[in-house]
Amino acid sequence: MSPADLAASLEQYDYQYFIGEALKHVPAGFDTRQGSIIFDALAPVAYSYAEIVMKLHDLIMNGYVQTATNEFLDYRGQERGVERYLATNAIAAATFTDAQGAPVAVEVGDRFASIGAEPFFYTVSDVTAAGSAELTCESTGTGANHYVGQILPVTPNDALAMAAITEVTAPARDDEVDDEYRARIMAQYDTSSYGGNVADYEQMCASLKTVGAVQVYPTWQGGGTVKLVIVNNDFQPAATELIADVQEAIAPAPDQGGGYGLAPIGHVVTVVAPTARAINVGMTIQTDGSIDDAALQTQVAAAVEAYFDTVRKAWAKRSAKPIGYSVSVFRAQIMFAVLKIQGITNATDLVLDGQDEDVQLVESSTTSELPIVGTVTVNG
């Protein structure tokens, strides 16, 4: 019997059960109708018993990793030394110019805000060059991951005419959800992270808040060499700045094998980003006439992008046999995603890069591909 089954078996013991059982033991001839002295005396006790059972139900559910939720799952994870990943702050690159387009100096601590009804606020965390700086979003979570464009000064700067975010260099992540956290806890029972094994490097990268996932290739250039292929929290190829930060944290140059980072002594670690592979998608769509061409194109493209996103999120999942990584883009899954769009009655002739076959990406120590949506062509 699973914890969920055991907890479910208690659900029959509610108020009606306890009041009914109590009234069965009242001798015949006494008034036990609702509102009678006996009924009114037993009812509060029945409610109390039902509340105890409800608490026992919750105690059982929250006592096991498989069924615990929220802070109770955190407690179970801490027993295994596994902490929930908390939301992080997005980091962006920004430029600052005056009315003539010349660079304007800003200082660490200066504040800026995005444009919109619910703006994001940023703080200058590092001045990288004249008229350029690194900004850190003050709020956590993925909301600021895709804001690129003009920002407004909160800290007064009379020389400033234009400030803009040019790139989100390190996207943020949200709090880890229960199911993802649970899976990591359960994985600890199967594999121990120790001494620079693959699981250890996965945990190292996971501890760095800016890394979304990693493929680990041990001994890729002989004993003691390790290659880490990383993506950011949006599961896109890591930017140059992120690669440099991860390299510095795990195995800083010039003495990579010296043990000055997270990597064990003697390990030479190379950190790179995957190669983005754009895959063009084409298909013929039939509708019931309730959706126009523009909306059809937009919704189909969104459905395709959502499927590719699920593929990227599983990109770093290791396969058991053979050991390694296997990433494919399946036409059937794209078809399934498209057919869920309201108004579409049929989808045929689906091709990927002009071919009517699934795409198997290259995942090896020399080349690691990450699927990106190319052009989406919808034929009516």
Protein backbone atom coordinates (compact mmCIF):
# COMPACT_ATOMS: atom_id res chain seq x y z
CA MET A 1 0.00 0.00 0.00
CA SER A 2 1.42 3.37 -1.02
CA PRO A 3 1.32 6.43 1.26
CA ALA A 4 -1.36 7.92 -0.97
CA ASP A 5 -3.47 4.75 -0.71
CA LEU A 6 -3.06 4.68 3.07
CA ALA A 7 -4.07 8.31 3.35
CA ALA A 8 -7.03 7.75 1.03
CA SER A 9 -8.25 4.89 3.21
CA LEU A 10 -8.71 7.36 6.08
CA GLU A 11 -11.06 9.58 4.12
CA GLN A 12 -14.05 7.40 5.05
CA TYR A 13 -13.61 8.41 8.68
CA ASP A 14 -15.40 11.74 8.49
CA TYR A 15 -17.88 13.46 10.78
CA GLN A 16 -20.81 11.37 9.54
CA TYR A 17 -18.90 8.18 10.28
CA PHE A 18 -18.05 9.13 13.87
CA ILE A 19 -21.47 10.52 14.78
CA GLY A 20 -23.09 7.42 13.30
CA GLU A 21 -20.81 5.06 15.24
CA ALA A 22 -21.41 6.94 18.48
CA LEU A 23 -25.19 6.92 18.10
CA LYS A 24 -25.15 3.15 17.49
CA HIS A 25 -24.07 2.66 21.10
CA VAL A 26 -26.93 4.67 22.59
CA PRO A 27 -29.47 2.29 24.21
CA ALA A 28 -32.81 1.95 22.49
CA GLY A 29 -35.54 4.22 23.71
CA PHE A 30 -33.44 7.37 24.01
CA ASP A 31 -33.98 10.28 21.67
CA THR A 32 -30.97 10.53 19.29
CA ARG A 33 -32.45 12.84 16.70
CA GLN A 34 -30.50 15.92 15.63
CA GLY A 35 -31.13 18.59 18.26
CA SER A 36 -31.59 16.10 21.07
CA ILE A 37 -29.40 16.31 24.18
CA ILE A 38 -27.51 13.12 23.28
CA PHE A 39 -26.93 14.13 19.65
CA ASP A 40 -25.79 17.62 20.61
CA ALA A 41 -23.40 16.16 23.21
CA LEU A 42 -21.82 13.71 20.75
CA ALA A 43 -21.59 16.02 17.72
CA PRO A 44 -18.60 18.13 18.93
CA VAL A 45 -16.67 14.96 19.77
CA ALA A 46 -17.39 13.55 16.30
CA TYR A 47 -16.12 16.77 14.72
CA SER A 48 -12.95 16.58 16.82
CA TYR A 49 -12.33 12.98 15.78
CA ALA A 50 -12.83 13.91 12.12
CA GLU A 51 -10.30 16.75 12.48
CA ILE A 52 -7.78 14.35 14.04
CA VAL A 53 -8.19 12.00 11.07
CA MET A 54 -7.67 14.90 8.65
CA LYS A 55 -4.44 15.82 10.44
CA LEU A 56 -3.35 12.17 10.38
CA HIS A 57 -4.07 12.12 6.63
CA ASP A 58 -1.83 15.16 6.13
CA LEU A 59 0.84 13.68 8.41
CA ILE A 60 1.02 10.52 6.29
CA MET A 61 1.09 12.44 3.00
CA ASN A 62 3.83 14.78 4.21
CA GLY A 63 5.91 12.04 5.81
CA TYR A 64 7.23 10.56 2.55
CA VAL A 65 9.23 12.06 -0.30
CA GLN A 66 6.83 10.59 -2.85
CA THR A 67 3.83 12.51 -1.49
CA ALA A 68 5.13 15.44 0.58
CA THR A 69 4.59 19.00 -0.67
CA ASN A 70 5.84 22.51 0.01
CA GLU A 71 7.91 22.98 3.18
CA PHE A 72 7.41 19.35 4.23
CA LEU A 73 9.12 18.24 1.02
CA ASP A 74 11.90 20.70 1.88
CA TYR A 75 12.38 18.93 5.22
CA ARG A 76 12.61 15.54 3.51
CA GLY A 77 15.09 16.91 0.99
CA GLN A 78 17.27 18.42 3.69
CA GLU A 79 17.59 14.99 5.26
CA ARG A 80 19.32 13.92 2.03
CA GLY A 81 21.35 17.11 1.74
CA VAL A 82 19.28 18.33 -1.22
CA GLU A 83 18.03 21.91 -1.09
CA ARG A 84 15.24 23.33 -3.22
CA TYR A 85 16.48 25.72 -5.91
CA LEU A 86 15.14 29.17 -5.10
CA ALA A 87 14.28 31.89 -7.59
CA THR A 88 17.20 33.97 -8.79
CA ASN A 89 17.69 37.48 -10.18
CA ALA A 90 18.14 38.15 -13.89
CA ILE A 91 21.40 39.82 -14.90
CA ALA A 92 21.49 42.09 -17.94
CA ALA A 93 23.95 44.20 -19.92
CA ALA A 94 23.03 47.84 -20.48
CA THR A 95 24.40 50.92 -22.23
CA PHE A 96 24.13 54.59 -21.24
CA THR A 97 24.58 57.59 -23.55
CA ASP A 98 24.04 61.34 -23.57
CA ALA A 99 22.14 63.40 -26.15
CA GLN A 100 25.08 63.23 -28.57
CA GLY A 101 25.43 59.46 -28.20
CA ALA A 102 28.59 59.64 -26.08
CA PRO A 103 28.99 57.19 -23.18
CA VAL A 104 27.68 58.31 -19.80
CA ALA A 105 29.16 57.05 -16.55
CA VAL A 106 26.95 55.31 -14.01
CA GLU A 107 27.85 54.07 -10.55
CA VAL A 108 27.35 50.79 -8.75
CA GLY A 109 24.06 51.05 -6.87
CA ASP A 110 22.31 53.31 -9.39
CA ARG A 111 18.74 52.19 -10.02
CA PHE A 112 16.75 51.94 -13.25
CA ALA A 113 13.28 50.74 -14.21
CA SER A 114 11.82 49.09 -17.29
CA ILE A 115 8.94 50.66 -19.19
CA GLY A 116 5.50 49.20 -18.61
CA ALA A 117 2.49 49.04 -16.32
CA GLU A 118 4.38 46.74 -13.95
CA PRO A 119 8.04 47.74 -14.34
CA PHE A 120 11.06 45.75 -13.29
CA PHE A 121 13.61 47.60 -11.19
CA TYR A 122 17.32 47.11 -11.72
CA THR A 123 20.46 48.00 -9.78
CA VAL A 124 23.89 48.56 -11.32
CA SER A 125 26.00 45.70 -9.96
CA ASP A 126 29.15 46.26 -12.01
CA VAL A 127 30.49 48.96 -14.34
CA THR A 128 32.04 47.04 -17.23
CA ALA A 129 33.23 49.91 -19.45
CA ALA A 130 32.56 53.54 -20.24
CA GLY A 131 28.83 53.79 -20.81
CA SER A 132 28.26 50.09 -20.13
CA ALA A 133 27.25 48.25 -16.99
CA GLU A 134 25.85 45.04 -15.61
CA LEU A 135 22.39 45.33 -14.08
CA THR A 136 20.77 42.97 -11.62
CA CYS A 137 16.98 42.81 -11.45
CA GLU A 138 15.79 43.55 -7.92
CA SER A 139 12.93 41.04 -8.10
CA THR A 140 13.50 37.31 -8.44
CA GLY A 141 11.96 35.01 -11.02
CA THR A 142 11.73 34.70 -14.78
CA GLY A 143 9.60 37.79 -15.39
CA ALA A 144 12.56 39.97 -16.41
CA ASN A 145 14.22 37.34 -18.59
CA HIS A 146 12.88 38.70 -21.85
CA TYR A 147 12.94 42.45 -21.28
CA VAL A 148 15.31 44.15 -23.71
CA GLY A 149 15.01 47.83 -24.53
CA GLN A 150 14.82 51.26 -22.96
CA ILE A 151 15.04 51.70 -19.21
CA LEU A 152 14.37 54.82 -17.17
CA PRO A 153 16.64 56.24 -14.46
CA VAL A 154 15.41 56.09 -10.89
CA THR A 155 18.67 57.51 -9.57
CA PRO A 156 19.02 61.06 -10.99
CA ASN A 157 21.65 61.50 -13.71
CA ASP A 158 21.49 64.84 -15.54
CA ALA A 159 23.91 63.75 -18.28
CA LEU A 160 21.88 60.69 -19.25
CA ALA A 161 19.71 60.85 -22.37
CA MET A 162 19.29 57.18 -23.22
CA ALA A 163 19.65 53.96 -21.22
CA ALA A 164 18.83 50.54 -22.63
CA ILE A 165 19.21 46.88 -21.79
CA THR A 166 20.95 45.25 -24.74
CA GLU A 167 21.05 41.64 -23.57
CA VAL A 168 19.94 39.44 -20.69
CA THR A 169 23.27 37.74 -20.02
CA ALA A 170 22.09 35.46 -17.22
CA PRO A 171 18.36 34.72 -17.19
CA ALA A 172 16.77 34.04 -13.82
CA ARG A 173 14.85 30.99 -12.72
CA ASP A 174 11.71 30.58 -10.61
CA ASP A 175 11.46 28.61 -7.38
CA GLU A 176 11.84 24.92 -8.12
CA VAL A 177 8.43 23.25 -8.22
CA ASP A 178 7.66 20.23 -6.05
CA ASP A 179 7.78 17.61 -8.81
CA GLU A 180 11.22 18.71 -10.06
CA TYR A 181 12.58 18.94 -6.52
CA ARG A 182 11.11 15.53 -5.68
CA ALA A 183 12.82 13.97 -8.70
CA ARG A 184 16.20 15.31 -7.57
CA ILE A 185 15.69 13.96 -4.06
CA MET A 186 14.73 10.52 -5.39
CA ALA A 187 17.77 10.53 -7.69
CA GLN A 188 19.99 10.75 -4.61
CA TYR A 189 18.92 7.23 -3.70
CA ASP A 190 20.23 5.92 -7.04
CA THR A 191 23.44 7.92 -7.57
CA SER A 192 25.86 9.50 -5.13
CA SER A 193 27.61 12.75 -6.03
CA TYR A 194 31.24 12.22 -5.09
CA GLY A 195 34.81 12.92 -6.10
CA GLY A 196 34.21 14.46 -9.50
CA ASN A 197 31.89 11.84 -10.96
CA VAL A 198 29.23 12.86 -13.47
CA ALA A 199 26.60 13.35 -10.76
CA ASP A 200 29.04 15.53 -8.83
CA TYR A 201 29.56 17.85 -11.79
CA GLU A 202 25.81 18.01 -12.36
CA GLN A 203 25.38 19.08 -8.75
CA MET A 204 28.21 21.62 -9.04
CA CYS A 205 26.52 23.29 -11.99
CA ALA A 206 23.11 23.12 -10.36
CA SER A 207 24.51 24.98 -7.36
CA LEU A 208 25.40 27.88 -9.69
CA LYS A 209 22.18 29.86 -9.89
CA THR A 210 22.70 30.96 -13.49
CA VAL A 211 23.02 27.47 -15.03
CA GLY A 212 19.82 25.83 -16.25
CA ALA A 213 21.23 22.42 -17.22
CA VAL A 214 24.50 20.71 -18.12
CA GLN A 215 25.73 17.81 -20.19
CA VAL A 216 28.84 16.25 -18.66
CA TYR A 217 31.42 14.46 -20.82
CA PRO A 218 34.13 12.83 -18.67
CA THR A 219 37.56 11.86 -20.05
CA TRP A 220 36.68 13.55 -23.33
CA GLN A 221 40.36 14.23 -24.06
CA GLY A 222 41.86 11.56 -21.86
CA GLY A 223 41.95 10.90 -18.14
CA GLY A 224 41.35 13.89 -15.91
CA THR A 225 39.61 15.96 -18.60
CA VAL A 226 35.97 16.94 -18.31
CA LYS A 227 33.77 18.87 -20.73
CA LEU A 228 30.71 20.73 -19.46
CA VAL A 229 28.14 21.92 -21.99
CA ILE A 230 25.79 24.40 -20.32
CA VAL A 231 22.58 26.26 -21.04
CA ASN A 232 21.12 29.20 -19.15
CA ASN A 233 17.94 29.26 -17.08
CA ASP A 234 15.87 29.77 -20.24
CA PHE A 235 17.44 26.59 -21.65
CA GLN A 236 19.17 28.58 -24.36
CA PRO A 237 22.90 28.41 -25.20
CA ALA A 238 24.92 30.08 -22.45
CA ALA A 239 26.28 33.54 -23.19
CA THR A 240 30.02 34.21 -23.21
CA GLU A 241 29.81 35.93 -19.81
CA LEU A 242 28.01 32.95 -18.27
CA ILE A 243 30.56 30.50 -19.68
CA ALA A 244 33.38 32.57 -18.19
CA ASP A 245 31.65 32.74 -14.79
CA VAL A 246 31.07 28.98 -14.67
CA GLN A 247 34.65 28.28 -15.77
CA GLU A 248 35.92 30.55 -13.00
CA ALA A 249 33.73 28.86 -10.38
CA ILE A 250 34.54 25.26 -11.33
CA ALA A 251 38.12 25.31 -12.65
CA PRO A 252 39.67 28.77 -12.89
CA ALA A 253 42.59 29.40 -15.20
CA PRO A 254 45.53 29.23 -15.44
CA ASP A 255 45.98 26.34 -13.00
CA GLN A 256 42.82 24.40 -13.82
CA GLY A 257 43.91 21.19 -12.14
CA GLY A 258 45.06 22.90 -8.98
CA GLY A 259 41.80 22.46 -7.12
CA TYR A 260 41.09 26.18 -6.75
CA GLY A 261 37.50 25.80 -7.92
CA LEU A 262 34.74 23.29 -7.31
CA ALA A 263 36.43 20.64 -9.47
CA PRO A 264 38.68 18.07 -7.78
CA ILE A 265 42.46 18.43 -7.93
CA GLY A 266 43.82 17.13 -11.23
CA HIS A 267 40.67 17.73 -13.29
CA VAL A 268 41.03 19.93 -16.35
CA VAL A 269 37.54 21.25 -17.07
CA THR A 270 36.34 22.89 -20.28
CA VAL A 271 33.07 24.83 -20.19
CA VAL A 272 31.25 25.55 -23.46
CA ALA A 273 27.77 26.27 -24.78
CA PRO A 274 25.89 23.87 -27.06
CA THR A 275 25.56 24.52 -30.76
CA ALA A 276 22.12 25.95 -31.55
CA ARG A 277 20.52 23.96 -34.36
CA ALA A 278 17.64 25.77 -36.02
CA ILE A 279 15.03 23.32 -37.32
CA ASN A 280 12.51 24.56 -39.88
CA VAL A 281 8.97 23.22 -39.51
CA GLY A 282 6.38 23.02 -42.27
CA MET A 283 2.89 21.53 -42.38
CA THR A 284 -0.51 21.69 -44.03
CA ILE A 285 -3.37 22.75 -41.77
CA GLN A 286 -7.13 22.38 -42.17
CA THR A 287 -9.46 24.45 -39.98
CA ASP A 288 -13.17 24.72 -39.30
CA GLY A 289 -13.13 28.36 -40.42
CA SER A 290 -13.23 29.81 -36.92
CA ILE A 291 -9.62 31.04 -36.99
CA ASP A 292 -8.07 33.50 -39.43
CA ASP A 293 -4.71 33.05 -41.13
CA ALA A 294 -2.79 35.46 -38.90
CA ALA A 295 -4.04 33.88 -35.68
CA LEU A 296 -3.42 30.43 -37.13
CA GLN A 297 0.21 31.23 -37.90
CA THR A 298 0.75 32.75 -34.45
CA GLN A 299 -0.83 29.89 -32.52
CA VAL A 300 0.89 27.17 -34.54
CA ALA A 301 4.26 28.86 -34.06
CA ALA A 302 3.58 29.13 -30.32
CA ALA A 303 2.64 25.44 -30.11
CA VAL A 304 5.81 24.42 -31.95
CA GLU A 305 7.93 26.64 -29.68
CA ALA A 306 6.29 25.14 -26.59
CA TYR A 307 7.15 21.63 -27.77
CA PHE A 308 10.75 22.60 -28.53
CA ASP A 309 10.94 24.06 -25.03
CA THR A 310 10.02 20.68 -23.52
CA VAL A 311 12.74 19.05 -25.63
CA ARG A 312 15.31 21.56 -24.43
CA LYS A 313 14.31 21.02 -20.80
CA ALA A 314 15.05 17.30 -21.23
CA TRP A 315 18.26 17.98 -23.20
CA ALA A 316 20.54 17.20 -20.23
CA LYS A 317 18.77 14.03 -19.11
CA ARG A 318 21.19 11.13 -19.19
CA SER A 319 20.09 7.89 -20.81
CA ALA A 320 21.02 4.66 -19.06
CA LYS A 321 21.72 2.43 -22.05
CA PRO A 322 23.90 3.45 -23.70
CA ILE A 323 25.17 5.96 -21.16
CA GLY A 324 25.07 9.42 -22.67
CA TYR A 325 22.55 11.86 -24.07
CA SER A 326 19.89 11.42 -26.71
CA VAL A 327 17.83 14.33 -28.01
CA SER A 328 15.24 14.04 -30.77
CA VAL A 329 12.55 16.24 -32.27
CA PHE A 330 9.55 14.07 -33.11
CA ARG A 331 7.02 14.99 -35.78
CA ALA A 332 4.24 13.14 -33.97
CA GLN A 333 4.72 15.28 -30.87
CA ILE A 334 4.57 18.47 -32.94
CA MET A 335 1.43 17.20 -34.64
CA PHE A 336 -0.12 16.44 -31.25
CA ALA A 337 0.69 19.95 -29.99
CA VAL A 338 -0.77 21.60 -33.09
CA LEU A 339 -3.98 19.56 -33.09
CA LYS A 340 -4.80 20.81 -29.60
CA ILE A 341 -5.31 24.32 -31.02
CA GLN A 342 -9.00 25.19 -31.12
CA GLY A 343 -10.26 25.51 -34.67
CA ILE A 344 -7.75 23.12 -36.28
CA THR A 345 -9.36 19.97 -37.60
CA ASN A 346 -6.40 18.26 -39.28
CA ALA A 347 -2.65 18.59 -39.81
CA THR A 348 -0.74 16.73 -42.52
CA ASP A 349 2.49 16.74 -44.52
CA LEU A 350 4.62 17.76 -41.55
CA VAL A 351 8.28 18.12 -42.48
CA LEU A 352 11.37 19.05 -40.48
CA ASP A 353 14.05 20.81 -42.50
CA GLY A 354 12.19 19.71 -45.60
CA GLN A 355 12.30 16.01 -44.68
CA ASP A 356 9.38 13.84 -43.59
CA GLU A 357 11.34 12.25 -40.76
CA ASP A 358 12.20 12.94 -37.15
CA VAL A 359 15.40 14.81 -36.30
CA GLN A 360 18.04 13.13 -34.16
CA LEU A 361 20.43 15.75 -32.81
CA VAL A 362 24.13 15.16 -32.32
CA GLU A 363 25.07 14.82 -28.65
CA SER A 364 28.72 13.89 -28.19
CA SER A 365 31.88 15.10 -26.52
CA THR A 366 32.85 16.96 -29.70
CA THR A 367 29.47 18.40 -30.72
CA SER A 368 26.38 18.97 -28.61
CA GLU A 369 23.35 20.39 -30.40
CA LEU A 370 20.39 22.23 -28.89
CA PRO A 371 17.16 22.41 -30.92
CA ILE A 372 15.90 25.90 -31.77
CA VAL A 373 12.79 26.71 -33.80
CA GLY A 374 13.69 28.01 -37.25
CA THR A 375 10.92 29.11 -39.60
CA VAL A 376 7.41 27.74 -39.14
CA THR A 377 5.53 27.46 -42.44
CA VAL A 378 1.78 26.84 -42.40
CA ASN A 379 0.09 25.85 -45.65
CA GLY A 380 -3.68 26.08 -45.88
